[in-house]
Amino acid sequence: MQISAEEYPGLAVQAYLDRLNAFAEEVRSRLGNDYAPARIVQVLNSYLFQELGFAGNTDDFYDPRNSFLNDVLDRRRGIPITLSLVYIEVGRRVGLDVVGVSFPGHFLVKYRDGDFEVVLDPYAGGCMLTHEELSVRLQRLYGHRAPEIGRAPWLLEAATNEEILVRMLRNLKGVYLYHNELRKALRVVDRILAFQPDLSTELRDRGKIYQQLECSQAALADFRRYLQLNEDAEDAAAVRSAIIDLESSARYLH
C-alpha cells in the first residue's frame, strides 16, 4: 500500500488491509479442514477470479489506477504485478507458501507443493504454467536469444519486497511516460533511485525527463553518471550526443 498511500494522501490503508483479511477469511471458511496447497489454490482461484471478478485490465492496460492496490481492490482490475500482490496477500493469510516471481515481461507467482514448485499467472485467472509455456513466453520476448528455463533458475527466483516495489514503480513510470505526465514520472524515478541509486537505466531515463523539462544541468548530471556506470551501453553514443547538445545549449544561454 506504500505506493497507493503516496498517491492518495489520507488513504485509509487499514480499511484495505481489512478487506484482504476478509477475503482470506472467506477462503478459509470454504477450505474446511483441507489446507493442501493444491486445494487452497483451487478455492483461491474460484473465489478471487470467478466470484469476485478480479481480472486483468485488458481494456486499458495503461490506466495508472492499475498500479495502485487500493484501486485494484475497488475496481477488481489490475496488471500482472498488482493482481499477483492481491493473490500473494490473500494466499499467505490462509497458509499458502506463495511468493512473487519477477519473470521477464510479466510478473508471476509460485508456491511449493512438496518437492515441486508450481508457477501461476494471476493475470490469467491463476492458471498454472508449465516450463514449456514459460519457454514460449521467453521466446516471444527474446526470440532466438531466449534463455532456457532449465539453465536459468534465476528466472523463477522469489522476488524480494524491494524488487517488487521497484518493479511496480518502474511500471508506473512507464504509464506516466505513456501519458506524457513528465513530472509524475520524475517523482516515480526519484523514488526508484532512492532504493537503488546506481540503477543506470533509471538515471538515463531521469536524464531524458529532465531534458524534456528543460532542466539541463540535472539532465547532464544524470547522463554523465549513466555513462560512468555503463560506458559500453548500446545507447552510449546517443547519450554522449545528448550531452554535447546540452553543453552547447548551456554555453549559448550563458
Protein backbone atom coordinates (compact mmCIF):
# COMPACT_ATOMS: atom_id res chain seq x y z
CA MET A 1 0.00 0.00 0.00
CA GLN A 2 3.03 2.30 0.17
CA ILE A 3 2.71 3.46 -3.44
CA SER A 4 -1.05 3.99 -3.06
CA ALA A 5 -0.62 5.98 0.16
CA GLU A 6 1.75 8.40 -1.54
CA GLU A 7 -0.58 8.88 -4.49
CA TYR A 8 -3.65 9.25 -2.25
CA PRO A 9 -2.76 11.29 0.86
CA GLY A 10 -5.02 10.35 3.73
CA LEU A 11 -5.82 6.94 2.26
CA ALA A 12 -7.48 4.66 4.80
CA VAL A 13 -4.84 1.95 4.46
CA GLN A 14 -6.21 -0.19 7.29
CA ALA A 15 -9.60 -0.44 5.57
CA TYR A 16 -7.94 -2.08 2.55
CA LEU A 17 -5.89 -4.39 4.74
CA ASP A 18 -9.13 -5.35 6.45
CA ARG A 19 -10.60 -6.17 3.07
CA LEU A 20 -7.71 -8.52 2.31
CA ASN A 21 -8.28 -10.11 5.71
CA ALA A 22 -11.96 -10.57 4.87
CA PHE A 23 -11.11 -12.22 1.55
CA ALA A 24 -8.79 -14.61 3.37
CA GLU A 25 -11.42 -15.41 5.99
CA GLU A 26 -13.91 -16.27 3.25
CA VAL A 27 -11.38 -18.57 1.56
CA ARG A 28 -10.60 -20.17 4.91
CA SER A 29 -14.28 -20.85 5.54
CA ARG A 30 -14.52 -22.74 2.25
CA LEU A 31 -11.44 -24.87 2.84
CA GLY A 32 -12.83 -26.75 5.81
CA ASN A 33 -10.02 -28.93 7.08
CA ASP A 34 -8.29 -29.36 3.72
CA TYR A 35 -5.32 -26.99 3.60
CA ALA A 36 -3.36 -28.85 0.96
CA PRO A 37 -1.65 -26.28 -1.33
CA ALA A 38 -3.49 -27.50 -4.44
CA ARG A 39 -6.82 -27.20 -2.64
CA ILE A 40 -6.04 -23.68 -1.43
CA VAL A 41 -5.18 -22.64 -4.99
CA GLN A 42 -8.39 -24.15 -6.33
CA VAL A 43 -10.54 -22.27 -3.81
CA LEU A 44 -8.49 -19.08 -4.12
CA ASN A 45 -8.81 -19.05 -7.91
CA SER A 46 -12.52 -19.72 -7.79
CA TYR A 47 -13.20 -17.03 -5.19
CA LEU A 48 -10.94 -14.24 -6.47
CA PHE A 49 -11.32 -14.61 -10.21
CA GLN A 50 -14.72 -16.19 -10.74
CA GLU A 51 -16.79 -14.96 -7.83
CA LEU A 52 -15.20 -11.60 -7.04
CA GLY A 53 -14.26 -10.97 -10.66
CA PHE A 54 -10.63 -9.89 -10.33
CA ALA A 55 -9.13 -9.74 -13.81
CA GLY A 56 -6.51 -8.10 -15.95
CA ASN A 57 -7.45 -4.70 -17.29
CA THR A 58 -7.10 -5.59 -20.94
CA ASP A 59 -9.27 -2.63 -21.99
CA ASP A 60 -6.94 0.00 -20.53
CA PHE A 61 -3.63 -1.55 -19.52
CA TYR A 62 -2.03 1.91 -19.18
CA ASP A 63 -4.54 3.27 -16.71
CA PRO A 64 -2.46 4.44 -13.70
CA ARG A 65 -5.08 3.02 -11.35
CA ASN A 66 -3.94 -0.47 -12.33
CA SER A 67 -0.77 0.20 -10.33
CA PHE A 68 -2.43 1.30 -7.08
CA LEU A 69 -3.53 -1.55 -4.84
CA ASN A 70 -6.47 0.36 -3.37
CA ASP A 71 -7.85 0.99 -6.88
CA VAL A 72 -7.28 -2.64 -7.82
CA LEU A 73 -9.24 -3.77 -4.77
CA ASP A 74 -12.03 -1.28 -5.52
CA ARG A 75 -12.27 -1.89 -9.25
CA ARG A 76 -11.08 -5.52 -9.32
CA ARG A 77 -8.94 -4.74 -12.35
CA GLY A 78 -5.18 -4.62 -12.49
CA ILE A 79 -1.94 -5.55 -14.19
CA PRO A 80 0.10 -8.72 -13.58
CA ILE A 81 2.07 -7.39 -10.63
CA THR A 82 -0.84 -5.87 -8.70
CA LEU A 83 -3.09 -8.89 -9.25
CA SER A 84 -0.17 -11.03 -8.10
CA LEU A 85 0.10 -8.94 -4.93
CA VAL A 86 -3.57 -9.49 -4.15
CA TYR A 87 -3.04 -13.21 -4.73
CA ILE A 88 0.05 -13.30 -2.51
CA GLU A 89 -1.54 -11.33 0.33
CA VAL A 90 -4.69 -13.43 0.43
CA GLY A 91 -2.84 -16.70 -0.15
CA ARG A 92 -0.37 -16.12 2.65
CA ARG A 93 -3.18 -15.28 5.04
CA VAL A 94 -4.59 -18.77 4.55
CA GLY A 95 -1.26 -20.54 4.82
CA LEU A 96 -0.19 -20.85 1.18
CA ASP A 97 3.58 -20.53 0.80
CA VAL A 98 3.31 -18.22 -2.19
CA VAL A 99 5.88 -15.70 -3.46
CA GLY A 100 6.23 -13.28 -6.33
CA VAL A 101 8.33 -14.09 -9.38
CA SER A 102 9.83 -11.22 -11.34
CA PHE A 103 9.63 -13.10 -14.63
CA PRO A 104 10.73 -11.11 -17.70
CA GLY A 105 7.87 -9.14 -19.20
CA HIS A 106 5.14 -10.49 -16.93
CA PHE A 107 5.06 -10.81 -13.14
CA LEU A 108 4.00 -14.23 -11.82
CA VAL A 109 3.67 -16.12 -8.54
CA LYS A 110 4.77 -19.55 -7.40
CA TYR A 111 4.15 -21.84 -4.46
CA ARG A 112 5.71 -25.03 -3.16
CA ASP A 113 3.77 -28.27 -3.09
CA GLY A 114 6.01 -30.88 -1.50
CA ASP A 115 9.16 -31.11 -3.59
CA PHE A 116 7.64 -29.23 -6.51
CA GLU A 117 7.32 -25.56 -7.33
CA VAL A 118 4.16 -24.54 -9.18
CA VAL A 119 4.05 -21.29 -11.20
CA LEU A 120 0.76 -19.44 -11.60
CA ASP A 121 -0.40 -16.39 -13.55
CA PRO A 122 -2.94 -14.29 -11.59
CA TYR A 123 -3.41 -12.04 -14.63
CA ALA A 124 -4.84 -15.09 -16.40
CA GLY A 125 -7.12 -16.23 -13.62
CA GLY A 126 -4.45 -18.06 -11.63
CA CYS A 127 -3.73 -20.64 -14.32
CA MET A 128 -0.77 -22.97 -13.83
CA LEU A 129 2.16 -22.57 -16.23
CA THR A 130 4.44 -25.39 -17.31
CA HIS A 131 8.11 -24.87 -18.17
CA GLU A 132 7.19 -25.32 -21.82
CA GLU A 133 4.65 -22.49 -21.63
CA LEU A 134 7.16 -20.29 -19.82
CA SER A 135 9.70 -21.04 -22.55
CA VAL A 136 7.21 -19.92 -25.19
CA ARG A 137 6.78 -16.62 -23.35
CA LEU A 138 10.54 -16.12 -23.26
CA GLN A 139 10.82 -16.86 -26.97
CA ARG A 140 8.16 -14.26 -27.73
CA LEU A 141 10.13 -11.74 -25.69
CA TYR A 142 13.71 -12.55 -26.70
CA GLY A 143 13.41 -14.57 -29.92
CA HIS A 144 16.39 -16.83 -30.60
CA ARG A 145 18.25 -15.23 -27.66
CA ALA A 146 15.72 -16.57 -25.15
CA PRO A 147 17.37 -18.26 -22.14
CA GLU A 148 16.39 -21.82 -21.31
CA ILE A 149 14.31 -22.19 -18.16
CA GLY A 150 16.23 -25.26 -17.06
CA ARG A 151 19.57 -23.47 -17.37
CA ALA A 152 18.48 -20.14 -15.88
CA PRO A 153 16.96 -20.84 -12.44
CA TRP A 154 17.19 -17.13 -11.61
CA LEU A 155 14.20 -16.57 -13.91
CA LEU A 156 11.92 -18.16 -11.31
CA GLU A 157 13.60 -16.91 -8.14
CA ALA A 158 11.40 -15.39 -5.45
CA ALA A 159 11.36 -11.60 -5.70
CA THR A 160 12.28 -9.59 -2.62
CA ASN A 161 9.97 -6.88 -1.29
CA GLU A 162 12.33 -4.23 -2.65
CA GLU A 163 12.43 -5.86 -6.08
CA ILE A 164 8.63 -5.97 -6.18
CA LEU A 165 8.36 -2.32 -5.13
CA VAL A 166 10.91 -1.19 -7.70
CA ARG A 167 9.20 -3.17 -10.46
CA MET A 168 5.86 -1.63 -9.53
CA LEU A 169 7.41 1.82 -9.64
CA ARG A 170 9.02 1.15 -13.00
CA ASN A 171 5.66 0.04 -14.38
CA LEU A 172 4.08 3.22 -13.04
CA LYS A 173 6.85 5.33 -14.55
CA GLY A 174 6.14 3.74 -17.93
CA VAL A 175 2.44 4.53 -17.58
CA TYR A 176 3.12 8.17 -16.78
CA LEU A 177 5.53 8.49 -19.70
CA TYR A 178 2.91 6.89 -21.96
CA HIS A 179 0.51 9.66 -20.91
CA ASN A 180 3.30 12.30 -21.13
CA GLU A 181 2.90 13.14 -17.44
CA LEU A 182 6.56 14.03 -17.05
CA ARG A 183 6.54 15.48 -13.56
CA LYS A 184 4.73 12.47 -12.15
CA ALA A 185 7.17 10.19 -13.95
CA LEU A 186 10.05 12.20 -12.49
CA ARG A 187 8.75 11.71 -8.95
CA VAL A 188 8.48 7.98 -9.54
CA VAL A 189 12.06 7.73 -10.86
CA ASP A 190 13.28 9.67 -7.83
CA ARG A 191 11.67 7.03 -5.62
CA ILE A 192 13.25 4.20 -7.59
CA LEU A 193 16.68 5.78 -7.28
CA ALA A 194 16.14 6.27 -3.55
CA PHE A 195 16.15 2.46 -3.34
CA GLN A 196 18.81 1.79 -5.96
CA PRO A 197 20.91 4.96 -6.50
CA ASP A 198 23.13 3.42 -9.19
CA LEU A 199 20.42 1.85 -11.31
CA SER A 200 21.87 3.13 -14.56
CA THR A 201 18.82 2.79 -16.79
CA GLU A 202 16.78 4.89 -14.35
CA LEU A 203 19.49 7.56 -14.27
CA ARG A 204 19.37 7.66 -18.06
CA ASP A 205 15.57 7.84 -18.10
CA ARG A 206 15.54 10.58 -15.49
CA GLY A 207 18.06 12.47 -17.61
CA LYS A 208 15.69 12.23 -20.57
CA ILE A 209 12.81 13.52 -18.47
CA TYR A 210 14.92 16.41 -17.18
CA GLN A 211 15.93 17.18 -20.76
CA GLN A 212 12.28 17.38 -21.83
CA LEU A 213 11.54 19.59 -18.83
CA GLU A 214 14.46 21.83 -19.88
CA CYS A 215 16.40 21.16 -16.68
CA SER A 216 19.74 20.99 -18.48
CA GLN A 217 22.13 20.74 -15.54
CA ALA A 218 20.16 17.96 -13.89
CA ALA A 219 19.95 16.10 -17.22
CA LEU A 220 23.70 16.45 -17.74
CA ALA A 221 24.46 15.09 -14.30
CA ASP A 222 22.30 12.01 -14.87
CA PHE A 223 23.62 11.34 -18.36
CA ARG A 224 27.23 11.62 -17.19
CA ARG A 225 26.60 9.29 -14.27
CA TYR A 226 24.88 6.83 -16.61
CA LEU A 227 27.98 6.67 -18.82
CA GLN A 228 30.25 6.29 -15.79
CA LEU A 229 28.28 3.24 -14.73
CA ASN A 230 27.64 1.87 -18.21
CA GLU A 231 30.19 3.23 -20.66
CA ASP A 232 29.74 0.34 -23.08
CA ALA A 233 25.94 0.64 -23.22
CA GLU A 234 24.31 0.12 -26.61
CA ASP A 235 22.94 3.66 -26.46
CA ALA A 236 26.17 5.24 -25.20
CA ALA A 237 26.71 7.16 -28.46
CA ALA A 238 23.19 8.62 -28.30
CA VAL A 239 23.66 9.67 -24.68
CA ARG A 240 27.02 11.30 -25.49
CA SER A 241 25.33 13.18 -28.32
CA ALA A 242 22.64 14.38 -25.89
CA ILE A 243 25.37 15.58 -23.52
CA ILE A 244 27.05 17.55 -26.32
CA ASP A 245 23.72 19.17 -27.25
CA LEU A 246 23.01 20.09 -23.62
CA GLU A 247 26.51 21.51 -23.12
CA SER A 248 26.16 23.56 -26.30
CA SER A 249 22.80 24.91 -25.16
CA ALA A 250 24.23 25.81 -21.75
CA ARG A 251 27.13 27.74 -23.35
CA TYR A 252 24.72 29.56 -25.67
CA LEU A 253 22.46 30.58 -22.77
CA HIS A 254 25.41 31.99 -20.87
